[in-house]
Amino acid sequence: MHAIAYPEVMAEGRTIQVRDVDPDLYEALVRMADERGLSLSAFLRLELARITDLRAARAAWRARRPEPIPGLTHESIVATIREARGPLPGDDE
């Protein structure tokens, strides 16, 4: 028997049914589950939890990104740097 950590909501588990799965995909999923010593259902539960965690992590990362500064462009940054450093040799040509 394999020890698997399930989310606490497993006590209130719901059933998901997926129809029209390509036979090659089904066989690949069964192989992946078997390689990990899991039933297909247990493997899919873990994969669904992993997908959900990834989406939550991406959403949290996006939420932390700073808002763009109005008017700040690549060109304005380059112009400010060039203005601050002064002319380079050959700029007066």
Protein backbone atom coordinates (compact mmCIF):
# COMPACT_ATOMS: atom_id res chain seq x y z
CA MET A 1 0.00 0.00 0.00
CA HIS A 2 1.27 3.46 -0.89
CA ALA A 3 1.14 6.44 1.42
CA ILE A 4 -0.36 9.34 -0.50
CA ALA A 5 -1.04 12.79 0.88
CA TYR A 6 -4.50 13.86 -0.22
CA PRO A 7 -5.97 17.31 0.26
CA GLU A 8 -8.16 17.64 3.35
CA VAL A 9 -11.23 17.93 1.12
CA MET A 10 -10.93 14.27 0.16
CA ALA A 11 -13.46 13.52 2.89
CA GLU A 12 -15.93 15.41 0.72
CA GLY A 13 -14.60 13.94 -2.54
CA ARG A 14 -16.37 14.56 -5.80
CA THR A 15 -16.35 12.44 -8.94
CA ILE A 16 -15.01 13.76 -12.22
CA GLN A 17 -15.72 11.85 -15.40
CA VAL A 18 -13.78 12.54 -18.59
CA ARG A 19 -15.16 11.15 -21.84
CA ASP A 20 -13.64 10.59 -25.26
CA VAL A 21 -10.03 10.29 -24.04
CA ASP A 22 -7.70 9.27 -26.86
CA PRO A 23 -6.60 5.64 -26.34
CA ASP A 24 -2.90 6.59 -26.63
CA LEU A 25 -3.33 9.28 -23.99
CA TYR A 26 -5.14 6.83 -21.73
CA GLU A 27 -2.35 4.26 -22.08
CA ALA A 28 0.30 6.93 -21.39
CA LEU A 29 -1.52 7.99 -18.22
CA VAL A 30 -1.85 4.39 -17.06
CA ARG A 31 1.89 3.87 -17.68
CA MET A 32 2.79 7.04 -15.77
CA ALA A 33 0.60 5.98 -12.85
CA ASP A 34 2.06 2.48 -12.87
CA GLU A 35 5.62 3.85 -12.89
CA ARG A 36 4.78 5.68 -9.67
CA GLY A 37 3.06 2.69 -8.13
CA LEU A 38 -0.34 4.43 -8.17
CA SER A 39 -3.75 3.64 -9.47
CA LEU A 40 -4.88 5.80 -12.37
CA SER A 41 -7.36 7.58 -10.08
CA ALA A 42 -4.71 8.34 -7.46
CA PHE A 43 -2.27 9.55 -10.11
CA LEU A 44 -4.87 11.83 -11.71
CA ARG A 45 -5.85 13.25 -8.29
CA LEU A 46 -2.23 14.18 -7.64
CA GLU A 47 -1.77 15.64 -11.13
CA LEU A 48 -4.93 17.73 -10.82
CA ALA A 49 -3.74 19.05 -7.46
CA ARG A 50 -0.34 19.86 -9.00
CA ILE A 51 -1.95 21.73 -11.91
CA THR A 52 -4.10 23.71 -9.50
CA ASP A 53 -1.06 24.60 -7.37
CA LEU A 54 0.82 25.80 -10.47
CA ARG A 55 -2.07 28.01 -11.54
CA ALA A 56 -2.37 29.48 -8.05
CA ALA A 57 1.38 30.16 -7.94
CA ARG A 58 1.30 31.85 -11.36
CA ALA A 59 -1.69 33.98 -10.35
CA ALA A 60 0.07 35.04 -7.14
CA TRP A 61 3.22 35.94 -9.09
CA ARG A 62 1.22 38.01 -11.59
CA ALA A 63 -0.55 39.82 -8.74
CA ARG A 64 2.82 40.86 -7.27
CA ARG A 65 4.21 42.31 -10.50
CA PRO A 66 4.42 46.08 -10.35
CA GLU A 67 2.04 48.14 -12.43
CA PRO A 68 3.62 49.68 -15.52
CA ILE A 69 4.65 53.31 -15.13
CA PRO A 70 2.70 55.51 -17.56
CA GLY A 71 4.95 56.92 -20.29
CA LEU A 72 7.89 54.69 -19.40
CA THR A 73 9.14 53.05 -22.56
CA HIS A 74 12.34 51.43 -23.72
CA GLU A 75 13.10 54.54 -25.76
CA SER A 76 12.58 56.90 -22.81
CA ILE A 77 14.89 54.81 -20.62
CA VAL A 78 17.64 54.77 -23.26
CA ALA A 79 17.30 58.53 -23.81
CA THR A 80 17.60 59.20 -20.05
CA ILE A 81 20.72 57.02 -19.77
CA ARG A 82 22.32 58.72 -22.79
CA GLU A 83 21.50 62.15 -21.40
CA ALA A 84 22.99 61.29 -18.00
CA ARG A 85 26.23 59.81 -19.31
CA GLY A 86 26.93 62.49 -21.89
CA PRO A 87 28.20 62.07 -25.42
CA LEU A 88 30.39 59.15 -26.37
CA PRO A 89 33.42 59.55 -28.59
CA GLY A 90 32.17 59.78 -32.14
CA ASP A 91 28.68 61.01 -31.20
CA ASP A 92 29.40 64.44 -32.66
CA GLU A 93 29.92 63.04 -36.17
